[in-house]
Structure formats: C-alpha cells, structure tokens
C-alpha cells in the first residue's frame, strides 16, 4: 500500500484546525466589536469572564486540537516510517479524524458535554488501538 496515504488524514486534521482557527478569530473579532471584551484582554487572556460562550468554545476547541492530536501525528509518522500503512492503520487514522471532526462540531455548536465526550472517547479509542497495534508490530519484528 502507498505509505503516503497516511498524510491524508493528517492533512484533514490540519484543515479542521484551520477551520476552528478561523471560527475562533471571527468570534473574537465579533466579541470586540460588540464590546464584550477589549482587545487588550487577548494579551494574556485575562478578564474574559464576560466573553461570549461561542468565543470561549472556539478558543477551547482550538487548544484541544494541539493536545491529543499531537499524539495522533506522532503515531501517523511512525506508521509511515515503519512501513505499516495498511487498510487497518489507515482506517484507524480516518476514524480518529472523523471522531475529532464530530467532537469539534459538537463543541462549536450545541456543546452538549455528553455527546462531545462520546466522540472524544471514540477518537481516543481509535488512536489507542492504532498506537497499540503499531507497538505490537514494532516489538514483534
């Protein structure tokens, strides 16, 4: 199988991050225009108690995309350099991305915590299975 295919789910995560970045930017600009926050509050992210919920959700979701997804990128890179890109690992990578997309959609819209946690857990499960499979293959060779 073409090892380069593992880049596609990584690229999808980059696109998701870019979308959330834009959402965060526009909600911040709107909050400033509406007088809910001052631009100076963004120097240290202090005094955001009166900030609109949608702005805070977008900011938190953007931060989320630089936490666990970094592990996803590491696992994806190791999958490529150990020549383990196959239908199974590629499917797990895409499942991770799909669950993270749903997690972000929920976080940025209804922000239903139970639903959000469900997709977060599924994404962790996909990543954990992928990482465990890769560890098994590396150790057993």
N, C-alpha and C. Protein backbone atom coordinates (compact mmCIF):
# COMPACT_ATOMS: atom_id res chain seq x y z
N UNK A 1 0.84 -1.19 0.00
CA UNK A 1 0.00 0.00 0.00
C UNK A 1 0.89 1.25 0.00
N UNK A 2 0.41 2.27 -0.64
CA UNK A 2 1.13 3.54 -0.70
C UNK A 2 1.23 4.16 0.70
N UNK A 3 2.44 4.26 1.22
CA UNK A 3 2.67 4.79 2.57
C UNK A 3 2.27 6.26 2.68
N UNK A 4 2.31 6.96 1.57
CA UNK A 4 1.97 8.39 1.58
C UNK A 4 0.50 8.67 1.88
N UNK A 5 -0.34 7.64 1.77
CA UNK A 5 -1.77 7.83 2.05
C UNK A 5 -2.03 8.25 3.49
N UNK A 6 -1.09 7.96 4.40
CA UNK A 6 -1.27 8.35 5.79
C UNK A 6 -1.25 9.87 5.96
N UNK A 7 -0.71 10.58 4.98
CA UNK A 7 -0.71 12.03 5.07
C UNK A 7 -2.12 12.60 4.96
N UNK A 8 -3.01 11.93 4.26
CA UNK A 8 -4.35 12.48 4.02
C UNK A 8 -5.15 12.69 5.31
N UNK A 9 -5.20 11.73 6.23
CA UNK A 9 -5.90 12.03 7.49
C UNK A 9 -5.18 13.13 8.28
N UNK A 10 -3.86 13.19 8.19
CA UNK A 10 -3.12 14.27 8.86
C UNK A 10 -3.51 15.62 8.25
N UNK A 11 -3.60 15.66 6.93
CA UNK A 11 -3.99 16.89 6.26
C UNK A 11 -5.42 17.28 6.64
N UNK A 12 -6.29 16.30 6.78
CA UNK A 12 -7.67 16.59 7.20
C UNK A 12 -7.68 17.22 8.59
N UNK A 13 -6.80 16.76 9.48
CA UNK A 13 -6.70 17.37 10.81
C UNK A 13 -6.20 18.81 10.71
N UNK A 14 -5.30 19.05 9.79
CA UNK A 14 -4.80 20.42 9.58
C UNK A 14 -5.93 21.32 9.08
N UNK A 15 -6.74 20.80 8.17
CA UNK A 15 -7.90 21.56 7.66
C UNK A 15 -8.88 21.83 8.81
N UNK A 16 -9.14 20.84 9.64
CA UNK A 16 -10.02 21.04 10.80
C UNK A 16 -9.46 22.13 11.70
N UNK A 17 -8.17 22.07 11.98
CA UNK A 17 -7.53 23.08 12.83
C UNK A 17 -7.66 24.47 12.22
N UNK A 18 -7.49 24.57 10.91
CA UNK A 18 -7.62 25.86 10.23
C UNK A 18 -9.05 26.38 10.33
N UNK A 19 -10.02 25.50 10.16
CA UNK A 19 -11.43 25.89 10.27
C UNK A 19 -11.73 26.43 11.67
N UNK A 20 -11.26 25.71 12.69
CA UNK A 20 -11.51 26.14 14.08
C UNK A 20 -10.77 27.44 14.36
N UNK A 21 -9.56 27.59 13.80
CA UNK A 21 -8.82 28.84 13.96
C UNK A 21 -9.62 30.02 13.40
N UNK A 22 -10.18 29.85 12.22
CA UNK A 22 -11.00 30.91 11.62
C UNK A 22 -12.23 31.19 12.47
N UNK A 23 -12.86 30.14 12.94
CA UNK A 23 -14.04 30.31 13.80
C UNK A 23 -13.66 31.10 15.06
N UNK A 24 -12.53 30.74 15.67
CA UNK A 24 -12.06 31.43 16.86
C UNK A 24 -11.78 32.90 16.54
N UNK A 25 -11.10 33.15 15.45
CA UNK A 25 -10.77 34.52 15.05
C UNK A 25 -12.03 35.37 14.89
N UNK A 26 -13.00 34.85 14.13
CA UNK A 26 -14.20 35.63 13.86
C UNK A 26 -15.05 35.83 15.12
N UNK A 27 -15.09 34.84 16.00
CA UNK A 27 -15.85 35.04 17.25
C UNK A 27 -15.15 36.07 18.15
N UNK A 28 -13.83 36.10 18.11
CA UNK A 28 -13.09 37.10 18.89
C UNK A 28 -13.31 38.50 18.32
N UNK A 29 -13.24 38.62 17.01
CA UNK A 29 -13.47 39.93 16.38
C UNK A 29 -14.89 40.42 16.71
N UNK A 30 -15.86 39.53 16.62
CA UNK A 30 -17.24 39.91 16.91
C UNK A 30 -17.40 40.33 18.37
N UNK A 31 -16.74 39.62 19.28
CA UNK A 31 -16.82 39.97 20.70
C UNK A 31 -16.22 41.34 20.97
N UNK A 32 -15.15 41.68 20.25
CA UNK A 32 -14.55 43.01 20.38
C UNK A 32 -15.48 44.07 19.83
N UNK A 33 -16.05 43.81 18.64
CA UNK A 33 -16.99 44.76 18.03
C UNK A 33 -18.21 44.99 18.91
N UNK A 34 -18.69 43.92 19.55
CA UNK A 34 -19.87 44.02 20.41
C UNK A 34 -19.56 44.63 21.77
N UNK A 35 -18.29 44.89 22.03
CA UNK A 35 -17.89 45.47 23.30
C UNK A 35 -17.91 44.50 24.47
N UNK A 36 -17.95 43.20 24.18
CA UNK A 36 -17.97 42.18 25.24
C UNK A 36 -16.59 41.97 25.85
N UNK A 37 -15.55 42.16 25.03
CA UNK A 37 -14.18 42.06 25.50
C UNK A 37 -13.36 43.18 24.85
N UNK A 38 -12.28 43.53 25.50
CA UNK A 38 -11.36 44.52 24.94
C UNK A 38 -10.23 43.77 24.25
N UNK A 39 -9.71 44.38 23.22
CA UNK A 39 -8.61 43.74 22.51
C UNK A 39 -7.42 43.51 23.44
N UNK A 40 -7.25 44.36 24.43
CA UNK A 40 -6.14 44.21 25.38
C UNK A 40 -6.27 42.94 26.22
N UNK A 41 -7.50 42.40 26.35
CA UNK A 41 -7.69 41.15 27.09
C UNK A 41 -6.98 39.97 26.45
N UNK A 42 -6.66 40.09 25.18
CA UNK A 42 -6.02 38.98 24.48
C UNK A 42 -4.50 38.95 24.65
N UNK A 43 -3.96 39.97 25.32
CA UNK A 43 -2.52 39.95 25.60
C UNK A 43 -2.17 38.75 26.47
N UNK A 44 -2.97 38.53 27.50
CA UNK A 44 -2.71 37.42 28.43
C UNK A 44 -3.94 36.54 28.64
N UNK A 45 -4.98 36.80 27.88
CA UNK A 45 -6.26 36.08 28.00
C UNK A 45 -6.87 36.25 29.40
N UNK A 46 -6.62 37.39 30.01
CA UNK A 46 -7.22 37.71 31.30
C UNK A 46 -8.54 38.43 31.12
N UNK A 47 -9.35 38.40 32.16
CA UNK A 47 -10.61 39.14 32.19
C UNK A 47 -11.55 38.78 31.04
N UNK A 48 -11.67 37.51 30.78
CA UNK A 48 -12.60 37.06 29.74
C UNK A 48 -13.89 36.52 30.35
N UNK A 49 -14.17 36.90 31.59
CA UNK A 49 -15.36 36.40 32.28
C UNK A 49 -16.65 36.75 31.55
N UNK A 50 -16.70 37.89 30.90
CA UNK A 50 -17.90 38.33 30.19
C UNK A 50 -17.88 37.98 28.71
N UNK A 51 -16.89 37.21 28.32
CA UNK A 51 -16.76 36.85 26.90
C UNK A 51 -17.91 35.95 26.47
N UNK A 52 -18.34 36.08 25.23
CA UNK A 52 -19.41 35.22 24.73
C UNK A 52 -19.02 33.75 24.78
N UNK A 53 -19.98 32.91 25.07
CA UNK A 53 -19.72 31.47 25.19
C UNK A 53 -19.18 30.89 23.89
N UNK A 54 -19.71 31.32 22.76
CA UNK A 54 -19.25 30.79 21.46
C UNK A 54 -17.77 31.11 21.24
N UNK A 55 -17.32 32.27 21.70
CA UNK A 55 -15.92 32.62 21.57
C UNK A 55 -15.06 31.72 22.44
N UNK A 56 -15.49 31.49 23.66
CA UNK A 56 -14.75 30.63 24.58
C UNK A 56 -14.73 29.19 24.09
N UNK A 57 -15.84 28.72 23.54
CA UNK A 57 -15.90 27.36 22.99
C UNK A 57 -14.89 27.20 21.85
N UNK A 58 -14.86 28.17 20.94
CA UNK A 58 -13.94 28.09 19.81
C UNK A 58 -12.49 28.13 20.29
N UNK A 59 -12.20 28.96 21.27
CA UNK A 59 -10.84 29.05 21.80
C UNK A 59 -10.44 27.74 22.46
N UNK A 60 -11.34 27.17 23.23
CA UNK A 60 -11.02 25.91 23.91
C UNK A 60 -10.87 24.77 22.90
N UNK A 61 -11.72 24.75 21.88
CA UNK A 61 -11.61 23.70 20.88
C UNK A 61 -10.31 23.81 20.11
N UNK A 62 -9.90 25.03 19.81
CA UNK A 62 -8.63 25.22 19.10
C UNK A 62 -7.48 24.69 19.96
N UNK A 63 -7.51 24.98 21.24
CA UNK A 63 -6.49 24.47 22.16
C UNK A 63 -6.51 22.94 22.17
N UNK A 64 -7.72 22.36 22.19
CA UNK A 64 -7.85 20.90 22.15
C UNK A 64 -7.13 20.28 20.95
N UNK A 65 -7.13 20.99 19.85
CA UNK A 65 -6.54 20.46 18.62
C UNK A 65 -5.01 20.45 18.65
N UNK A 66 -4.43 20.93 19.75
CA UNK A 66 -2.98 20.87 19.90
C UNK A 66 -2.59 20.06 21.13
N UNK A 67 -3.52 19.28 21.61
CA UNK A 67 -3.25 18.40 22.75
C UNK A 67 -3.14 16.97 22.24
N UNK A 68 -4.19 16.18 22.32
CA UNK A 68 -4.14 14.77 21.90
C UNK A 68 -3.80 14.61 20.42
N UNK A 69 -4.26 15.48 19.53
CA UNK A 69 -3.88 15.29 18.12
C UNK A 69 -2.37 15.26 17.87
N UNK A 70 -1.57 15.84 18.75
CA UNK A 70 -0.13 15.72 18.56
C UNK A 70 0.32 14.27 18.67
N UNK A 71 -0.34 13.51 19.54
CA UNK A 71 -0.05 12.07 19.63
C UNK A 71 -0.46 11.37 18.34
N UNK A 72 -1.59 11.80 17.78
CA UNK A 72 -2.04 11.24 16.50
C UNK A 72 -0.99 11.44 15.42
N UNK A 73 -0.44 12.66 15.34
CA UNK A 73 0.58 12.93 14.33
C UNK A 73 1.82 12.06 14.54
N UNK A 74 2.21 11.87 15.78
CA UNK A 74 3.37 11.02 16.08
C UNK A 74 3.11 9.59 15.63
N UNK A 75 1.95 9.06 15.97
CA UNK A 75 1.60 7.69 15.58
C UNK A 75 1.55 7.59 14.06
N UNK A 76 0.99 8.59 13.40
CA UNK A 76 0.92 8.58 11.93
C UNK A 76 2.32 8.56 11.32
N UNK A 77 3.22 9.38 11.84
CA UNK A 77 4.58 9.41 11.31
C UNK A 77 5.28 8.07 11.53
N UNK A 78 5.14 7.51 12.73
CA UNK A 78 5.76 6.21 13.00
C UNK A 78 5.15 5.12 12.12
N UNK A 79 3.88 5.24 11.81
CA UNK A 79 3.23 4.27 10.93
C UNK A 79 3.89 4.31 9.55
N UNK A 80 4.20 5.49 9.08
CA UNK A 80 4.84 5.64 7.77
C UNK A 80 6.28 5.15 7.81
N UNK A 81 7.05 5.59 8.80
CA UNK A 81 8.49 5.25 8.77
C UNK A 81 8.76 3.79 9.08
N UNK A 82 7.77 3.10 9.66
CA UNK A 82 7.93 1.66 9.89
C UNK A 82 7.23 0.85 8.80
N UNK A 83 6.77 1.52 7.76
CA UNK A 83 6.10 0.89 6.62
C UNK A 83 4.90 0.05 7.05
N UNK A 84 4.10 0.61 7.94
CA UNK A 84 2.92 -0.10 8.44
C UNK A 84 1.61 0.51 7.97
N UNK A 85 1.66 1.35 6.95
CA UNK A 85 0.42 1.88 6.40
C UNK A 85 -0.27 0.75 5.65
N UNK A 86 -1.42 0.37 6.14
CA UNK A 86 -2.23 -0.66 5.51
C UNK A 86 -3.69 -0.27 5.71
N UNK A 87 -4.60 -1.09 5.24
CA UNK A 87 -6.02 -0.73 5.35
C UNK A 87 -6.45 -0.53 6.80
N UNK A 88 -5.91 -1.33 7.69
CA UNK A 88 -6.27 -1.25 9.11
C UNK A 88 -5.79 0.07 9.74
N UNK A 89 -4.50 0.38 9.56
CA UNK A 89 -3.97 1.60 10.18
C UNK A 89 -4.56 2.85 9.53
N UNK A 90 -4.78 2.80 8.24
CA UNK A 90 -5.38 3.94 7.55
C UNK A 90 -6.83 4.15 8.00
N UNK A 91 -7.55 3.05 8.18
CA UNK A 91 -8.94 3.16 8.66
C UNK A 91 -8.97 3.74 10.07
N UNK A 92 -8.05 3.31 10.93
CA UNK A 92 -7.99 3.84 12.29
C UNK A 92 -7.66 5.33 12.28
N UNK A 93 -6.75 5.73 11.41
CA UNK A 93 -6.40 7.15 11.31
C UNK A 93 -7.61 7.97 10.86
N UNK A 94 -8.32 7.47 9.85
CA UNK A 94 -9.51 8.20 9.38
C UNK A 94 -10.61 8.20 10.44
N UNK A 95 -10.76 7.11 11.16
CA UNK A 95 -11.74 7.10 12.25
C UNK A 95 -11.40 8.16 13.29
N UNK A 96 -10.13 8.25 13.64
CA UNK A 96 -9.70 9.27 14.60
C UNK A 96 -10.12 10.66 14.10
N UNK A 97 -9.82 10.95 12.85
CA UNK A 97 -10.13 12.25 12.28
C UNK A 97 -11.64 12.49 12.26
N UNK A 98 -12.40 11.52 11.84
CA UNK A 98 -13.86 11.67 11.78
C UNK A 98 -14.43 11.94 13.16
N UNK A 99 -13.95 11.21 14.16
CA UNK A 99 -14.44 11.44 15.53
C UNK A 99 -14.02 12.81 16.04
N UNK A 100 -12.84 13.28 15.66
CA UNK A 100 -12.41 14.61 16.08
C UNK A 100 -13.23 15.70 15.38
N UNK A 101 -13.61 15.46 14.13
CA UNK A 101 -14.47 16.41 13.42
C UNK A 101 -15.81 16.51 14.14
N UNK A 102 -16.40 15.36 14.48
CA UNK A 102 -17.68 15.38 15.20
C UNK A 102 -17.52 16.03 16.57
N UNK A 103 -16.41 15.76 17.24
CA UNK A 103 -16.15 16.38 18.53
C UNK A 103 -16.14 17.91 18.38
N UNK A 104 -15.44 18.40 17.37
CA UNK A 104 -15.38 19.85 17.15
C UNK A 104 -16.73 20.43 16.77
N UNK A 105 -17.47 19.72 15.92
CA UNK A 105 -18.80 20.21 15.54
C UNK A 105 -19.70 20.36 16.76
N UNK A 106 -19.68 19.37 17.63
CA UNK A 106 -20.49 19.44 18.84
C UNK A 106 -19.98 20.58 19.73
N UNK A 107 -18.68 20.65 19.91
CA UNK A 107 -18.08 21.67 20.77
C UNK A 107 -18.42 23.08 20.29
N UNK A 108 -18.45 23.28 18.99
CA UNK A 108 -18.68 24.61 18.43
C UNK A 108 -20.15 24.96 18.24
N UNK A 109 -21.03 23.98 18.42
CA UNK A 109 -22.47 24.26 18.22
C UNK A 109 -23.23 24.07 19.54
N UNK A 110 -23.83 22.92 19.72
CA UNK A 110 -24.66 22.68 20.91
C UNK A 110 -23.83 22.60 22.18
N UNK A 111 -22.60 22.17 22.05
CA UNK A 111 -21.68 21.96 23.17
C UNK A 111 -22.28 21.03 24.22
N UNK A 112 -23.01 20.04 23.75
CA UNK A 112 -23.56 19.02 24.64
C UNK A 112 -22.38 18.19 25.16
N UNK A 113 -22.15 18.26 26.45
CA UNK A 113 -20.96 17.65 27.03
C UNK A 113 -20.96 16.14 26.87
N UNK A 114 -22.10 15.50 27.05
CA UNK A 114 -22.15 14.03 26.92
C UNK A 114 -21.83 13.60 25.48
N UNK A 115 -22.40 14.28 24.52
CA UNK A 115 -22.15 13.94 23.12
C UNK A 115 -20.70 14.23 22.76
N UNK A 116 -20.22 15.36 23.23
CA UNK A 116 -18.82 15.72 22.98
C UNK A 116 -17.88 14.68 23.56
N UNK A 117 -18.14 14.27 24.79
CA UNK A 117 -17.31 13.27 25.46
C UNK A 117 -17.36 11.93 24.72
N UNK A 118 -18.53 11.59 24.18
CA UNK A 118 -18.69 10.35 23.42
C UNK A 118 -17.72 10.34 22.24
N UNK A 119 -17.70 11.41 21.45
CA UNK A 119 -16.82 11.46 20.28
C UNK A 119 -15.35 11.57 20.70
N UNK A 120 -15.09 12.27 21.78
CA UNK A 120 -13.72 12.36 22.30
C UNK A 120 -13.22 10.98 22.70
N UNK A 121 -14.06 10.22 23.38
CA UNK A 121 -13.69 8.86 23.81
C UNK A 121 -13.46 7.96 22.61
N UNK A 122 -14.34 8.04 21.61
CA UNK A 122 -14.16 7.23 20.41
C UNK A 122 -12.87 7.58 19.69
N UNK A 123 -12.53 8.86 19.65
CA UNK A 123 -11.28 9.26 18.99
C UNK A 123 -10.08 8.71 19.76
N UNK A 124 -10.13 8.76 21.08
CA UNK A 124 -9.05 8.20 21.90
C UNK A 124 -8.93 6.70 21.67
N UNK A 125 -10.07 6.03 21.57
CA UNK A 125 -10.06 4.58 21.35
C UNK A 125 -9.41 4.25 20.01
N UNK A 126 -9.77 4.97 18.97
CA UNK A 126 -9.16 4.74 17.65
C UNK A 126 -7.66 4.98 17.70
N UNK A 127 -7.25 6.05 18.37
CA UNK A 127 -5.82 6.35 18.49
C UNK A 127 -5.10 5.30 19.32
N UNK A 128 -5.71 4.87 20.40
CA UNK A 128 -5.09 3.88 21.28
C UNK A 128 -4.91 2.54 20.56
N UNK A 129 -5.93 2.12 19.81
CA UNK A 129 -5.83 0.87 19.06
C UNK A 129 -4.73 0.98 18.01
N UNK A 130 -4.68 2.12 17.31
CA UNK A 130 -3.66 2.34 16.29
C UNK A 130 -2.26 2.29 16.92
N UNK A 131 -2.07 2.99 18.02
CA UNK A 131 -0.76 3.03 18.69
C UNK A 131 -0.38 1.66 19.25
N UNK A 132 -1.35 0.94 19.80
CA UNK A 132 -1.08 -0.39 20.35
C UNK A 132 -0.71 -1.37 19.25
N UNK A 133 -1.44 -1.32 18.15
CA UNK A 133 -1.13 -2.17 17.00
C UNK A 133 0.28 -1.89 16.51
N UNK A 134 0.61 -0.62 16.39
CA UNK A 134 1.93 -0.24 15.90
C UNK A 134 3.02 -0.71 16.87
N UNK A 135 2.79 -0.56 18.16
CA UNK A 135 3.75 -1.02 19.16
C UNK A 135 3.96 -2.53 19.06
N UNK A 136 2.86 -3.25 18.88
CA UNK A 136 2.95 -4.71 18.74
C UNK A 136 3.78 -5.09 17.52
N UNK A 137 3.52 -4.44 16.40
CA UNK A 137 4.25 -4.75 15.17
C UNK A 137 5.74 -4.42 15.33
N UNK A 138 6.04 -3.30 15.94
CA UNK A 138 7.45 -2.90 16.12
C UNK A 138 8.17 -3.85 17.05
N UNK A 139 7.54 -4.23 18.14
CA UNK A 139 8.18 -5.10 19.12
C UNK A 139 8.33 -6.53 18.58
N UNK A 140 7.38 -6.96 17.77
CA UNK A 140 7.39 -8.34 17.31
C UNK A 140 8.28 -8.57 16.08
N UNK A 141 8.86 -7.52 15.53
CA UNK A 141 9.73 -7.71 14.36
C UNK A 141 11.20 -7.74 14.74
